[in-house]
């Protein structure tokens, strides 16, 4: 269940603000079949929970996530095309399940976020990185592509940055990651937790259903042309008449704390 330590490759903490830890420090939290399956299963269960306000995604040990596990990569060398396709679809489902969580996902990045690790940063709603953290869409250095993560990364960093970073596979700093929108805050590593806590306090003061609807609206509206006005008008109308919307507006007008702040 979400909020309990139930899987070998990840650990989670209970409560409305969950810490989800990639727990393979001996291989720098690299992906293999088990980690992909565990993250997918956790995300699918968590999406149905009604008591989670936000999740902090972090890596155990000295790094966030170094991409693909060498032993896993060695196995894929012998896969047929169909086996590789099925493997890629499982990884794609993992990213989708995390991306579609109905509450904020905050990335706490230290060490390195390379390949699929950079993909994890791309699907986080908010990313806080240590000044010394390193990022990279490094797949072309291995003769492969950042294919599965490309839709998520392109939405985050844009085409111009992707052309440079996908095509060179170059590693880049946390400061550069912030410049291109992959990261939202860069702090000394010892201040990572304080910076994350600052974002959690802001989320705590926001209405949880409204946050979920705002996240859904972003996915729905982004990239659309022509009909976004109808979608956004309907979204705000529905929120204004919802119980939470009514409570928030009345609390503001009555100069009192909204009910969700007392939870």
Protein backbone atom coordinates (compact mmCIF):
# COMPACT_ATOMS: atom_id res chain seq x y z
CA UNK A 1 0.00 0.00 0.00
CA UNK A 2 1.14 3.60 -0.54
CA UNK A 3 2.84 4.96 2.52
CA UNK A 4 4.44 1.71 3.72
CA UNK A 5 7.76 -0.01 3.13
CA UNK A 6 6.69 -2.91 0.93
CA UNK A 7 9.11 -3.18 -2.00
CA UNK A 8 12.79 -4.06 -2.20
CA UNK A 9 13.90 -1.39 -4.68
CA UNK A 10 11.92 1.52 -3.21
CA UNK A 11 10.94 2.65 0.27
CA UNK A 12 8.15 5.02 1.26
CA UNK A 13 7.18 6.91 4.39
CA UNK A 14 3.59 7.16 5.66
CA UNK A 15 1.52 10.33 5.92
CA UNK A 16 0.07 13.00 3.65
CA UNK A 17 3.58 14.02 2.54
CA UNK A 18 5.23 10.82 1.36
CA UNK A 19 8.94 10.34 0.77
CA UNK A 20 9.52 7.86 -2.06
CA UNK A 21 13.13 6.68 -2.09
CA UNK A 22 14.89 4.81 -4.89
CA UNK A 23 16.70 2.21 -2.80
CA UNK A 24 19.46 0.68 -4.91
CA UNK A 25 22.43 2.74 -3.69
CA UNK A 26 24.98 0.08 -4.58
CA UNK A 27 24.23 0.71 -8.29
CA UNK A 28 23.48 4.43 -7.91
CA UNK A 29 19.72 3.71 -8.00
CA UNK A 30 19.87 2.60 -11.61
CA UNK A 31 16.82 1.14 -13.33
CA UNK A 32 16.24 -2.55 -13.81
CA UNK A 33 13.07 -4.59 -14.38
CA UNK A 34 12.32 -4.80 -10.67
CA UNK A 35 12.66 -1.07 -9.99
CA UNK A 36 10.46 -0.28 -12.99
CA UNK A 37 7.80 -2.74 -11.82
CA UNK A 38 7.91 -1.49 -8.23
CA UNK A 39 7.63 2.18 -9.19
CA UNK A 40 4.74 1.42 -11.55
CA UNK A 41 2.86 -0.61 -8.96
CA UNK A 42 3.39 2.02 -6.27
CA UNK A 43 2.25 4.88 -8.52
CA UNK A 44 -0.88 3.02 -9.64
CA UNK A 45 -1.84 2.32 -6.02
CA UNK A 46 -0.99 5.84 -4.84
CA UNK A 47 -3.10 7.43 -7.58
CA UNK A 48 -6.18 5.85 -5.99
CA UNK A 49 -5.33 7.00 -2.46
CA UNK A 50 -7.23 9.96 -1.05
CA UNK A 51 -4.86 10.87 1.78
CA UNK A 52 -1.68 11.86 -0.07
CA UNK A 53 -0.99 15.59 -0.53
CA UNK A 54 2.47 15.36 -2.16
CA UNK A 55 5.36 12.99 -2.75
CA UNK A 56 9.08 13.72 -2.52
CA UNK A 57 11.12 11.50 -4.86
CA UNK A 58 14.73 11.00 -3.84
CA UNK A 59 17.60 8.56 -4.19
CA UNK A 60 19.36 6.63 -1.43
CA UNK A 61 23.10 6.97 -1.08
CA UNK A 62 25.28 9.34 -3.07
CA UNK A 63 23.16 9.89 -6.16
CA UNK A 64 19.59 10.39 -7.39
CA UNK A 65 19.46 7.99 -10.35
CA UNK A 66 22.22 7.05 -12.79
CA UNK A 67 19.94 5.71 -15.53
CA UNK A 68 19.97 2.08 -16.64
CA UNK A 69 21.56 -0.73 -14.66
CA UNK A 70 24.51 -2.28 -16.49
CA UNK A 71 23.28 -5.84 -15.89
CA UNK A 72 19.84 -4.94 -17.23
CA UNK A 73 21.42 -3.35 -20.30
CA UNK A 74 23.49 -6.47 -20.88
CA UNK A 75 20.31 -8.55 -21.01
CA UNK A 76 18.63 -6.23 -23.50
CA UNK A 77 21.51 -6.71 -25.93
CA UNK A 78 20.23 -10.24 -26.54
CA UNK A 79 16.53 -9.30 -26.71
CA UNK A 80 14.60 -9.60 -29.94
CA UNK A 81 12.86 -6.52 -31.33
CA UNK A 82 9.55 -7.68 -29.83
CA UNK A 83 11.17 -8.26 -26.44
CA UNK A 84 12.76 -4.82 -26.56
CA UNK A 85 9.42 -3.29 -27.52
CA UNK A 86 7.67 -4.91 -24.55
CA UNK A 87 10.50 -3.80 -22.25
CA UNK A 88 10.26 -0.21 -23.49
CA UNK A 89 6.48 -0.19 -23.03
CA UNK A 90 6.86 -1.27 -19.42
CA UNK A 91 9.25 1.64 -18.81
CA UNK A 92 6.91 4.01 -20.62
CA UNK A 93 4.06 2.91 -18.35
CA UNK A 94 6.19 3.64 -15.29
CA UNK A 95 6.83 7.22 -16.43
CA UNK A 96 3.17 7.70 -17.32
CA UNK A 97 1.98 6.40 -13.94
CA UNK A 98 4.29 8.78 -12.08
CA UNK A 99 3.50 11.69 -14.40
CA UNK A 100 -0.26 11.24 -13.94
CA UNK A 101 -0.26 11.18 -10.13
CA UNK A 102 -3.08 13.51 -8.98
CA UNK A 103 -0.84 15.32 -6.48
CA UNK A 104 2.51 17.11 -6.76
CA UNK A 105 5.65 15.03 -7.26
CA UNK A 106 8.76 16.84 -6.01
CA UNK A 107 12.17 15.67 -7.17
CA UNK A 108 15.01 16.01 -4.65
CA UNK A 109 18.10 15.59 -6.80
CA UNK A 110 21.66 15.13 -5.61
CA UNK A 111 24.65 13.47 -7.23
CA UNK A 112 23.54 12.63 -10.76
CA UNK A 113 20.35 12.32 -12.79
CA UNK A 114 21.39 10.68 -16.03
CA UNK A 115 19.42 9.04 -18.85
CA UNK A 116 16.26 7.70 -17.26
CA UNK A 117 17.21 9.60 -14.10
CA UNK A 118 16.93 12.84 -16.06
CA UNK A 119 13.61 11.48 -17.30
CA UNK A 120 12.45 11.18 -13.70
CA UNK A 121 13.36 14.82 -13.15
CA UNK A 122 11.33 15.69 -16.24
CA UNK A 123 8.14 14.12 -14.89
CA UNK A 124 8.44 15.78 -11.48
CA UNK A 125 6.19 18.81 -11.03
CA UNK A 126 8.85 20.56 -8.95
CA UNK A 127 12.56 19.76 -8.87
CA UNK A 128 15.01 20.93 -6.21
CA UNK A 129 18.64 20.16 -7.04
CA UNK A 130 21.92 20.38 -5.20
CA UNK A 131 24.40 22.86 -6.68
CA UNK A 132 26.76 19.96 -7.38
CA UNK A 133 24.16 17.77 -9.11
CA UNK A 134 24.82 16.65 -12.69
CA UNK A 135 22.22 15.97 -15.38
CA UNK A 136 22.40 14.40 -18.81
CA UNK A 137 20.32 12.83 -21.57
CA UNK A 138 23.28 10.59 -22.25
CA UNK A 139 21.72 7.80 -24.34
CA UNK A 140 23.42 8.68 -27.65
CA UNK A 141 26.78 8.07 -26.01
CA UNK A 142 25.71 4.41 -25.92
CA UNK A 143 24.33 4.35 -29.45
CA UNK A 144 20.71 4.43 -28.30
CA UNK A 145 18.09 7.18 -27.87
CA UNK A 146 16.29 9.03 -25.06
CA UNK A 147 13.14 7.77 -26.74
CA UNK A 148 10.85 6.70 -23.90
CA UNK A 149 11.56 9.84 -21.86
CA UNK A 150 11.44 12.21 -24.85
CA UNK A 151 7.76 13.26 -24.60
CA UNK A 152 8.17 14.18 -20.94
CA UNK A 153 11.55 15.86 -21.40
CA UNK A 154 10.44 17.86 -24.45
CA UNK A 155 7.46 19.23 -22.54
CA UNK A 156 9.81 20.30 -19.75
CA UNK A 157 12.87 21.71 -21.53
CA UNK A 158 11.57 22.56 -25.02
CA UNK A 159 12.83 21.72 -28.48
CA UNK A 160 15.86 24.01 -28.56
CA UNK A 161 17.47 22.60 -25.41
CA UNK A 162 16.53 19.06 -26.46
CA UNK A 163 18.30 19.48 -29.80
CA UNK A 164 21.53 20.33 -28.06
CA UNK A 165 21.32 17.92 -25.14
CA UNK A 166 19.72 14.90 -26.83
CA UNK A 167 22.09 15.08 -29.80
CA UNK A 168 25.33 15.57 -27.85
CA UNK A 169 24.53 13.46 -24.79
CA UNK A 170 26.51 16.06 -22.84
CA UNK A 171 26.28 16.27 -19.08
CA UNK A 172 25.21 19.62 -17.68
CA UNK A 173 25.07 21.40 -14.35
CA UNK A 174 22.17 22.06 -12.02
CA UNK A 175 22.43 25.75 -12.93
CA UNK A 176 21.96 24.89 -16.62
CA UNK A 177 19.11 22.55 -15.73
CA UNK A 178 17.40 25.46 -14.03
CA UNK A 179 17.96 27.71 -17.05
CA UNK A 180 16.12 25.29 -19.34
CA UNK A 181 13.28 24.56 -16.90
CA UNK A 182 14.23 21.04 -15.86
CA UNK A 183 14.94 22.26 -12.32
CA UNK A 184 13.12 24.92 -10.30
CA UNK A 185 15.49 25.56 -7.38
CA UNK A 186 19.23 25.05 -6.93
CA UNK A 187 20.68 25.07 -3.41
CA UNK A 188 23.72 23.77 -1.49
CA UNK A 189 23.26 20.06 -0.85
CA UNK A 190 22.95 20.57 2.91
CA UNK A 191 19.93 22.84 2.24
CA UNK A 192 18.03 20.41 -0.01
CA UNK A 193 15.59 19.27 2.67
CA UNK A 194 14.84 22.84 3.79
CA UNK A 195 14.14 23.85 0.19
CA UNK A 196 11.83 20.87 -0.32
CA UNK A 197 10.04 21.68 2.95
CA UNK A 198 9.41 25.20 1.65
CA UNK A 199 7.54 23.83 -1.36
CA UNK A 200 5.64 21.37 0.87
CA UNK A 201 4.47 24.24 3.08
CA UNK A 202 3.12 26.03 0.02
CA UNK A 203 1.32 22.87 -1.11
CA UNK A 204 -0.10 22.36 2.38
CA UNK A 205 -1.71 25.81 2.22
CA UNK A 206 -3.41 25.01 -1.11
CA UNK A 207 -6.72 23.20 -1.53
CA UNK A 208 -5.91 19.54 -2.36
CA UNK A 209 -8.70 18.97 -4.88
CA UNK A 210 -7.87 22.26 -6.61
CA UNK A 211 -4.21 21.20 -6.84
CA UNK A 212 -5.24 17.90 -8.45
CA UNK A 213 -7.51 19.69 -10.91
CA UNK A 214 -4.80 22.24 -11.74
CA UNK A 215 -2.36 19.43 -12.51
CA UNK A 216 -4.94 17.70 -14.71
CA UNK A 217 -5.72 20.98 -16.50
CA UNK A 218 -2.05 21.58 -17.29
CA UNK A 219 -1.83 18.22 -19.08
CA UNK A 220 -5.09 18.82 -20.91
CA UNK A 221 -4.43 22.38 -22.06
CA UNK A 222 -0.71 22.22 -22.89
CA UNK A 223 -0.12 22.04 -26.61
CA UNK A 224 -3.75 22.56 -27.62
CA UNK A 225 -4.67 25.22 -30.13
CA UNK A 226 -8.12 26.74 -30.61
CA UNK A 227 -10.27 25.02 -28.00
CA UNK A 228 -8.31 25.74 -24.83
CA UNK A 229 -10.58 28.69 -23.93
CA UNK A 230 -13.59 26.40 -23.62
CA UNK A 231 -11.66 23.92 -21.49
CA UNK A 232 -10.30 26.55 -19.12
CA UNK A 233 -13.63 28.37 -18.79
CA UNK A 234 -15.36 25.10 -17.89
CA UNK A 235 -12.59 24.24 -15.42
CA UNK A 236 -12.89 27.47 -13.42
CA UNK A 237 -16.70 27.37 -13.48
CA UNK A 238 -16.69 23.85 -12.03
CA UNK A 239 -14.19 24.80 -9.34
CA UNK A 240 -16.13 27.88 -8.27
CA UNK A 241 -19.26 25.85 -7.54
CA UNK A 242 -17.42 22.89 -5.99
CA UNK A 243 -17.53 22.49 -2.18
CA UNK A 244 -13.81 23.21 -1.94
CA UNK A 245 -14.03 26.23 -4.22
CA UNK A 246 -16.97 27.63 -2.26
CA UNK A 247 -15.09 27.12 1.01
CA UNK A 248 -11.95 28.81 -0.31
CA UNK A 249 -13.78 31.85 -1.67
CA UNK A 250 -15.93 32.24 1.45
CA UNK A 251 -12.91 31.89 3.74
CA UNK A 252 -11.13 34.62 1.79
CA UNK A 253 -14.13 36.95 1.96
CA UNK A 254 -14.70 36.18 5.65
CA UNK A 255 -10.98 36.61 6.45
CA UNK A 256 -10.63 33.17 8.02
CA UNK A 257 -8.54 30.03 7.45
CA UNK A 258 -10.08 27.56 4.96
CA UNK A 259 -11.08 24.16 6.27
CA UNK A 260 -8.30 22.25 4.52
CA UNK A 261 -5.63 24.21 6.42
CA UNK A 262 -6.92 22.66 9.63
CA UNK A 263 -6.55 19.06 8.42
